Amino acid sequence: MDPVATSEWLIMACVGIAVLLVVLLMLRRRWISRGAGLFECSLKVPSDSGKAAWALGITRYRGGSVEWFRSLSFGLRPAFKAERGDLRVLGQRRPSPTEATALYADQVIVEVAVRSRDVIIEAAMTADALTALLAWLEAAPPGRRYQG
């Protein structure tokens, strides 16, 4: 087989695979967003070295829970899920210059207590997404009022 033809075939195969992967990521995002509110949200997740690192993702409201998905993943199940009654916003801050390079533009960092797991997580989202999250938390059904 001609080496030039082989290299051309290999390049075309790589381009085809790359296009397929991008299309799959787009279809995944569309599947995740069906019938639910969706916003860009990064979470600070622990790594193997013990340090926490920011992971870009998207969050959706689904009934009485929020579900977080990594942006660059093919998984259809959320990496993090919490019920409305388990969440409590503790505060917010601006990202440090180092953190800002790892996050989407114009995001604020929000500390959120997850009662069922007895843990505090940091989430980065836009101010508009934070307002929507707070409104969603406060819109709990009667008898399950937000304790923020």
Protein backbone atom coordinates (compact mmCIF):
# COMPACT_ATOMS: atom_id res chain seq x y z
CA MET A 1 0.00 0.00 0.00
CA ASP A 2 1.25 3.47 -0.85
CA PRO A 3 2.57 5.32 2.29
CA VAL A 4 0.96 8.59 1.18
CA ALA A 5 -2.44 6.95 0.75
CA THR A 6 -2.06 5.26 4.15
CA SER A 7 -1.23 8.55 5.87
CA GLU A 8 -4.14 10.28 4.14
CA TRP A 9 -6.49 7.51 5.27
CA LEU A 10 -5.13 7.74 8.82
CA ILE A 11 -5.60 11.53 8.92
CA MET A 12 -9.16 11.22 7.58
CA ALA A 13 -9.95 8.55 10.18
CA CYS A 14 -8.63 10.78 13.00
CA VAL A 15 -10.66 13.75 11.75
CA GLY A 16 -13.74 11.55 11.46
CA ILE A 17 -13.31 10.25 15.01
CA ALA A 18 -12.81 13.79 16.35
CA VAL A 19 -15.99 14.99 14.61
CA LEU A 20 -17.91 11.99 15.95
CA LEU A 21 -16.75 12.72 19.51
CA VAL A 22 -17.82 16.37 19.26
CA VAL A 23 -21.23 15.34 17.90
CA LEU A 24 -21.63 12.82 20.75
CA LEU A 25 -20.81 15.52 23.33
CA MET A 26 -23.37 17.84 21.74
CA LEU A 27 -26.03 15.12 21.72
CA ARG A 28 -25.26 14.30 25.36
CA ARG A 29 -25.71 17.93 26.38
CA ARG A 30 -28.98 18.10 24.47
CA TRP A 31 -30.18 14.90 26.18
CA ILE A 32 -29.22 16.26 29.61
CA SER A 33 -31.02 19.57 28.99
CA ARG A 34 -34.34 18.07 27.85
CA GLY A 35 -37.23 19.25 29.99
CA ALA A 36 -35.09 20.83 32.70
CA GLY A 37 -33.41 24.10 33.63
CA LEU A 38 -29.72 23.95 32.81
CA PHE A 39 -26.79 26.23 33.69
CA GLU A 40 -23.00 26.13 33.54
CA CYS A 41 -21.54 25.31 36.93
CA SER A 42 -18.09 24.19 37.99
CA LEU A 43 -17.47 22.15 41.13
CA LYS A 44 -14.33 21.89 43.19
CA VAL A 45 -13.66 18.16 43.38
CA PRO A 46 -10.92 16.34 45.28
CA SER A 47 -8.17 14.73 43.22
CA ASP A 48 -6.05 11.65 43.88
CA SER A 49 -3.27 13.82 45.33
CA GLY A 50 -5.63 15.16 48.00
CA LYS A 51 -5.83 18.64 46.48
CA ALA A 52 -9.13 19.90 45.18
CA ALA A 53 -9.37 21.01 41.55
CA TRP A 54 -12.10 22.75 39.58
CA ALA A 55 -14.07 20.62 37.14
CA LEU A 56 -16.15 22.34 34.46
CA GLY A 57 -19.69 21.13 34.22
CA ILE A 58 -23.37 21.76 33.77
CA THR A 59 -26.12 21.54 36.35
CA ARG A 60 -29.79 20.88 35.83
CA TYR A 61 -32.86 21.16 38.00
CA ARG A 62 -34.85 17.97 37.98
CA GLY A 63 -37.93 17.90 40.18
CA GLY A 64 -36.78 18.41 43.74
CA SER A 65 -33.08 17.85 43.07
CA VAL A 66 -30.08 19.32 41.28
CA GLU A 67 -27.80 17.15 39.17
CA TRP A 68 -24.27 18.05 38.08
CA PHE A 69 -22.57 16.58 35.02
CA ARG A 70 -18.94 17.01 33.92
CA SER A 71 -18.70 18.96 30.68
CA LEU A 72 -16.16 16.73 28.97
CA SER A 73 -17.62 13.34 29.77
CA PHE A 74 -19.77 10.90 27.88
CA GLY A 75 -21.59 9.70 31.00
CA LEU A 76 -25.36 10.10 31.07
CA ARG A 77 -25.65 9.88 34.85
CA PRO A 78 -24.89 12.85 37.07
CA ALA A 79 -21.55 12.91 38.88
CA PHE A 80 -23.25 14.72 41.78
CA LYS A 81 -26.89 14.83 42.85
CA ALA A 82 -28.55 16.49 45.85
CA GLU A 83 -32.11 17.00 46.98
CA ARG A 84 -33.44 20.53 47.51
CA GLY A 85 -33.85 20.03 51.26
CA ASP A 86 -30.22 18.91 51.64
CA LEU A 87 -28.72 22.13 50.24
CA ARG A 88 -27.94 25.33 52.11
CA VAL A 89 -26.02 28.25 50.59
CA LEU A 90 -23.48 29.53 53.13
CA GLY A 91 -21.92 32.41 51.22
CA GLN A 92 -20.29 33.62 48.04
CA ARG A 93 -17.02 35.18 46.94
CA ARG A 94 -15.15 36.25 43.83
CA PRO A 95 -12.64 33.75 42.42
CA SER A 96 -8.96 34.40 42.98
CA PRO A 97 -6.94 35.21 39.85
CA THR A 98 -5.63 31.63 39.80
CA GLU A 99 -9.14 30.18 40.13
CA ALA A 100 -10.51 32.51 37.46
CA THR A 101 -8.28 30.88 34.83
CA ALA A 102 -9.89 27.48 35.52
CA LEU A 103 -13.52 28.67 35.48
CA TYR A 104 -16.03 30.04 33.01
CA ALA A 105 -16.07 33.84 32.68
CA ASP A 106 -17.97 36.04 35.18
CA GLN A 107 -18.60 33.33 37.75
CA VAL A 108 -18.87 33.68 41.51
CA ILE A 109 -17.90 30.94 43.92
CA VAL A 110 -20.65 29.74 46.22
CA GLU A 111 -20.17 27.65 49.36
CA VAL A 112 -22.95 25.10 49.69
CA ALA A 113 -23.56 22.77 52.63
CA VAL A 114 -24.91 19.36 51.67
CA ARG A 115 -26.60 18.13 54.83
CA SER A 116 -27.14 14.50 53.83
CA ARG A 117 -23.41 14.06 53.19
CA ASP A 118 -22.24 16.39 55.97
CA VAL A 119 -19.93 18.17 53.54
CA ILE A 120 -19.38 21.68 52.19
CA ILE A 121 -18.75 22.04 48.46
CA GLU A 122 -17.72 24.98 46.35
CA ALA A 123 -19.60 25.66 43.14
CA ALA A 124 -18.85 28.36 40.59
CA MET A 125 -21.72 29.89 38.62
CA THR A 126 -22.84 33.21 37.19
CA ALA A 127 -24.68 35.69 39.39
CA ASP A 128 -27.87 35.02 37.39
CA ALA A 129 -27.54 31.26 37.96
CA LEU A 130 -27.00 31.91 41.68
CA THR A 131 -30.17 34.01 41.82
CA ALA A 132 -32.08 31.21 40.08
CA LEU A 133 -30.63 28.62 42.48
CA LEU A 134 -31.64 30.68 45.52
CA ALA A 135 -35.15 31.17 44.11
CA TRP A 136 -35.42 27.43 43.43
CA LEU A 137 -34.29 26.60 46.96
CA GLU A 138 -36.78 29.06 48.47
CA ALA A 139 -39.62 27.73 46.30
CA ALA A 140 -39.78 24.47 48.25
CA PRO A 141 -43.22 22.93 48.77
CA PRO A 142 -45.12 23.87 51.95
CA GLY A 143 -43.67 22.21 55.02
CA ARG A 144 -40.22 21.98 53.44
CA ARG A 145 -39.13 25.59 53.60
CA TYR A 146 -35.57 26.60 52.83
CA GLN A 147 -33.50 27.08 55.98
CA GLY A 148 -30.88 29.38 54.42
